[in-house]
Amino acid sequence: MTNTDSSETVREFSPAQFIAPYLLLIIGNAGVQNASTNDRPVLFWVFTAITALGAASTVVRLRRMRSTHQRKTLPAWTQFLGVLLALYGLYVAYRVIDGMAG
């Protein structure tokens, strides 16, 4: 007996899926930039948590994009969006670490 209602569905890749990670990283970066650990430590850590959520979301999106690209051919500009997202994520991580250091 086969299960026709399987939970394995192929998710379509859409560039709009990059909006949430970008927004989380932008908000986290702006908050970390404006709230220092000395003046407003609670606010700094709230924005650091938002940045961590954005980083986790970025990793999930990039993994899904890679698996979608392996299954079917997509335009190269979608990979370019992924590269930009990864680079911006690294930049924001650097800013957070810099904010923690001083």
C-alpha atoms as a PDB file:
ATOM      1  CA  MET A   1       0.000   0.000   0.000  1.00  0.00           C
ATOM      2  CA  THR A   2       1.485   3.334  -1.026  1.00  0.00           C
ATOM      3  CA  ASN A   3       0.943   6.653   0.597  1.00  0.00           C
ATOM      4  CA  THR A   4      -0.154   9.130  -2.057  1.00  0.00           C
ATOM      5  CA  ASP A   5      -0.378  11.990   0.440  1.00  0.00           C
ATOM      6  CA  SER A   6       3.365  12.225   0.986  1.00  0.00           C
ATOM      7  CA  SER A   7       4.783  15.235   2.774  1.00  0.00           C
ATOM      8  CA  GLU A   8       7.637  15.517   0.281  1.00  0.00           C
ATOM      9  CA  THR A   9       6.649  18.315  -2.026  1.00  0.00           C
ATOM     10  CA  VAL A  10       8.879  20.183  -4.396  1.00  0.00           C
ATOM     11  CA  ARG A  11       9.032  23.808  -3.382  1.00  0.00           C
ATOM     12  CA  GLU A  12       9.384  26.314  -6.148  1.00  0.00           C
ATOM     13  CA  PHE A  13      12.235  28.769  -5.860  1.00  0.00           C
ATOM     14  CA  SER A  14      11.319  32.423  -6.023  1.00  0.00           C
ATOM     15  CA  PRO A  15      13.549  35.489  -5.590  1.00  0.00           C
ATOM     16  CA  ALA A  16      10.864  36.903  -3.281  1.00  0.00           C
ATOM     17  CA  GLN A  17      11.990  34.327  -0.714  1.00  0.00           C
ATOM     18  CA  PHE A  18      15.103  36.444  -0.151  1.00  0.00           C
ATOM     19  CA  ILE A  19      13.089  39.378   1.218  1.00  0.00           C
ATOM     20  CA  ALA A  20      12.731  38.069   4.783  1.00  0.00           C
ATOM     21  CA  PRO A  21      16.441  37.333   5.351  1.00  0.00           C
ATOM     22  CA  TYR A  22      17.449  40.686   3.844  1.00  0.00           C
ATOM     23  CA  LEU A  23      14.957  42.569   6.038  1.00  0.00           C
ATOM     24  CA  LEU A  24      16.075  40.780   9.189  1.00  0.00           C
ATOM     25  CA  LEU A  25      19.711  41.473   8.392  1.00  0.00           C
ATOM     26  CA  ILE A  26      19.023  45.132   7.535  1.00  0.00           C
ATOM     27  CA  ILE A  27      17.054  45.706  10.751  1.00  0.00           C
ATOM     28  CA  GLY A  28      19.668  43.891  12.828  1.00  0.00           C
ATOM     29  CA  ASN A  29      22.525  45.816  11.236  1.00  0.00           C
ATOM     30  CA  ALA A  30      20.826  49.181  11.760  1.00  0.00           C
ATOM     31  CA  GLY A  31      20.048  48.367  15.374  1.00  0.00           C
ATOM     32  CA  VAL A  32      23.527  47.097  16.198  1.00  0.00           C
ATOM     33  CA  GLN A  33      25.021  50.146  14.536  1.00  0.00           C
ATOM     34  CA  ASN A  34      22.927  52.576  16.587  1.00  0.00           C
ATOM     35  CA  ALA A  35      22.872  50.783  19.953  1.00  0.00           C
ATOM     36  CA  SER A  36      26.223  50.283  21.627  1.00  0.00           C
ATOM     37  CA  THR A  37      26.852  47.681  24.303  1.00  0.00           C
ATOM     38  CA  ASN A  38      27.894  50.389  26.780  1.00  0.00           C
ATOM     39  CA  ASP A  39      24.940  52.759  26.363  1.00  0.00           C
ATOM     40  CA  ARG A  40      22.032  50.418  25.612  1.00  0.00           C
ATOM     41  CA  PRO A  41      23.057  46.798  26.177  1.00  0.00           C
ATOM     42  CA  VAL A  42      19.537  45.319  26.165  1.00  0.00           C
ATOM     43  CA  LEU A  43      18.683  46.978  22.880  1.00  0.00           C
ATOM     44  CA  PHE A  44      21.991  45.846  21.399  1.00  0.00           C
ATOM     45  CA  TRP A  45      21.277  42.226  22.329  1.00  0.00           C
ATOM     46  CA  VAL A  46      17.726  42.415  20.948  1.00  0.00           C
ATOM     47  CA  PHE A  47      19.107  43.527  17.594  1.00  0.00           C
ATOM     48  CA  THR A  48      21.823  40.885  17.836  1.00  0.00           C
ATOM     49  CA  ALA A  49      19.081  38.268  18.230  1.00  0.00           C
ATOM     50  CA  ILE A  50      17.295  39.694  15.176  1.00  0.00           C
ATOM     51  CA  THR A  51      20.571  39.439  13.271  1.00  0.00           C
ATOM     52  CA  ALA A  52      21.012  35.816  14.386  1.00  0.00           C
ATOM     53  CA  LEU A  53      17.499  35.052  13.162  1.00  0.00           C
ATOM     54  CA  GLY A  54      18.370  36.695   9.851  1.00  0.00           C
ATOM     55  CA  ALA A  55      21.553  34.628   9.599  1.00  0.00           C
ATOM     56  CA  ALA A  56      19.642  31.407  10.246  1.00  0.00           C
ATOM     57  CA  SER A  57      17.045  32.405   7.671  1.00  0.00           C
ATOM     58  CA  THR A  58      19.840  33.169   5.209  1.00  0.00           C
ATOM     59  CA  VAL A  59      21.354  29.720   5.642  1.00  0.00           C
ATOM     60  CA  VAL A  60      17.968  28.057   5.095  1.00  0.00           C
ATOM     61  CA  ARG A  61      17.274  30.099   1.960  1.00  0.00           C
ATOM     62  CA  LEU A  62      20.703  29.439   0.482  1.00  0.00           C
ATOM     63  CA  ARG A  63      20.407  25.686   1.099  1.00  0.00           C
ATOM     64  CA  ARG A  64      16.987  25.606  -0.542  1.00  0.00           C
ATOM     65  CA  MET A  65      18.287  27.633  -3.460  1.00  0.00           C
ATOM     66  CA  ARG A  66      21.219  25.274  -3.934  1.00  0.00           C
ATOM     67  CA  SER A  67      19.018  22.192  -3.887  1.00  0.00           C
ATOM     68  CA  THR A  68      16.593  23.784  -6.331  1.00  0.00           C
ATOM     69  CA  HIS A  69      19.449  24.681  -8.676  1.00  0.00           C
ATOM     70  CA  GLN A  70      20.639  21.082  -8.556  1.00  0.00           C
ATOM     71  CA  ARG A  71      17.206  19.750  -9.536  1.00  0.00           C
ATOM     72  CA  LYS A  72      16.406  22.149 -12.352  1.00  0.00           C
ATOM     73  CA  THR A  73      17.968  24.911 -14.365  1.00  0.00           C
ATOM     74  CA  LEU A  74      17.266  28.420 -13.133  1.00  0.00           C
ATOM     75  CA  PRO A  75      18.603  31.761 -14.365  1.00  0.00           C
ATOM     76  CA  ALA A  76      22.070  32.716 -13.174  1.00  0.00           C
ATOM     77  CA  TRP A  77      20.835  35.966 -11.622  1.00  0.00           C
ATOM     78  CA  THR A  78      19.111  33.933  -8.908  1.00  0.00           C
ATOM     79  CA  GLN A  79      22.512  32.593  -7.881  1.00  0.00           C
ATOM     80  CA  PHE A  80      23.775  36.178  -7.911  1.00  0.00           C
ATOM     81  CA  LEU A  81      21.052  37.096  -5.399  1.00  0.00           C
ATOM     82  CA  GLY A  82      22.251  34.251  -3.221  1.00  0.00           C
ATOM     83  CA  VAL A  83      25.847  35.454  -3.390  1.00  0.00           C
ATOM     84  CA  LEU A  84      24.766  38.995  -2.459  1.00  0.00           C
ATOM     85  CA  LEU A  85      22.758  37.647   0.463  1.00  0.00           C
ATOM     86  CA  ALA A  86      25.703  35.580   1.705  1.00  0.00           C
ATOM     87  CA  LEU A  87      28.103  38.523   1.413  1.00  0.00           C
ATOM     88  CA  TYR A  88      25.716  40.882   3.199  1.00  0.00           C
ATOM     89  CA  GLY A  89      25.226  38.286   5.928  1.00  0.00           C
ATOM     90  CA  LEU A  90      28.990  38.103   6.438  1.00  0.00           C
ATOM     91  CA  TYR A  91      29.199  41.905   6.567  1.00  0.00           C
ATOM     92  CA  VAL A  92      26.462  42.090   9.200  1.00  0.00           C
ATOM     93  CA  ALA A  93      28.150  39.335  11.222  1.00  0.00           C
ATOM     94  CA  TYR A  94      31.352  41.373  11.132  1.00  0.00           C
ATOM     95  CA  ARG A  95      29.436  44.463  12.339  1.00  0.00           C
ATOM     96  CA  VAL A  96      27.881  42.543  15.225  1.00  0.00           C
ATOM     97  CA  ILE A  97      31.234  41.100  16.300  1.00  0.00           C
ATOM     98  CA  ASP A  98      32.771  44.564  16.038  1.00  0.00           C
ATOM     99  CA  GLY A  99      29.941  45.961  18.167  1.00  0.00           C
ATOM    100  CA  MET A 100      30.523  43.295  20.810  1.00  0.00           C
ATOM    101  CA  ALA A 101      34.240  44.008  20.897  1.00  0.00           C
ATOM    102  CA  GLY A 102      33.942  47.680  21.517  1.00  0.00           C
END
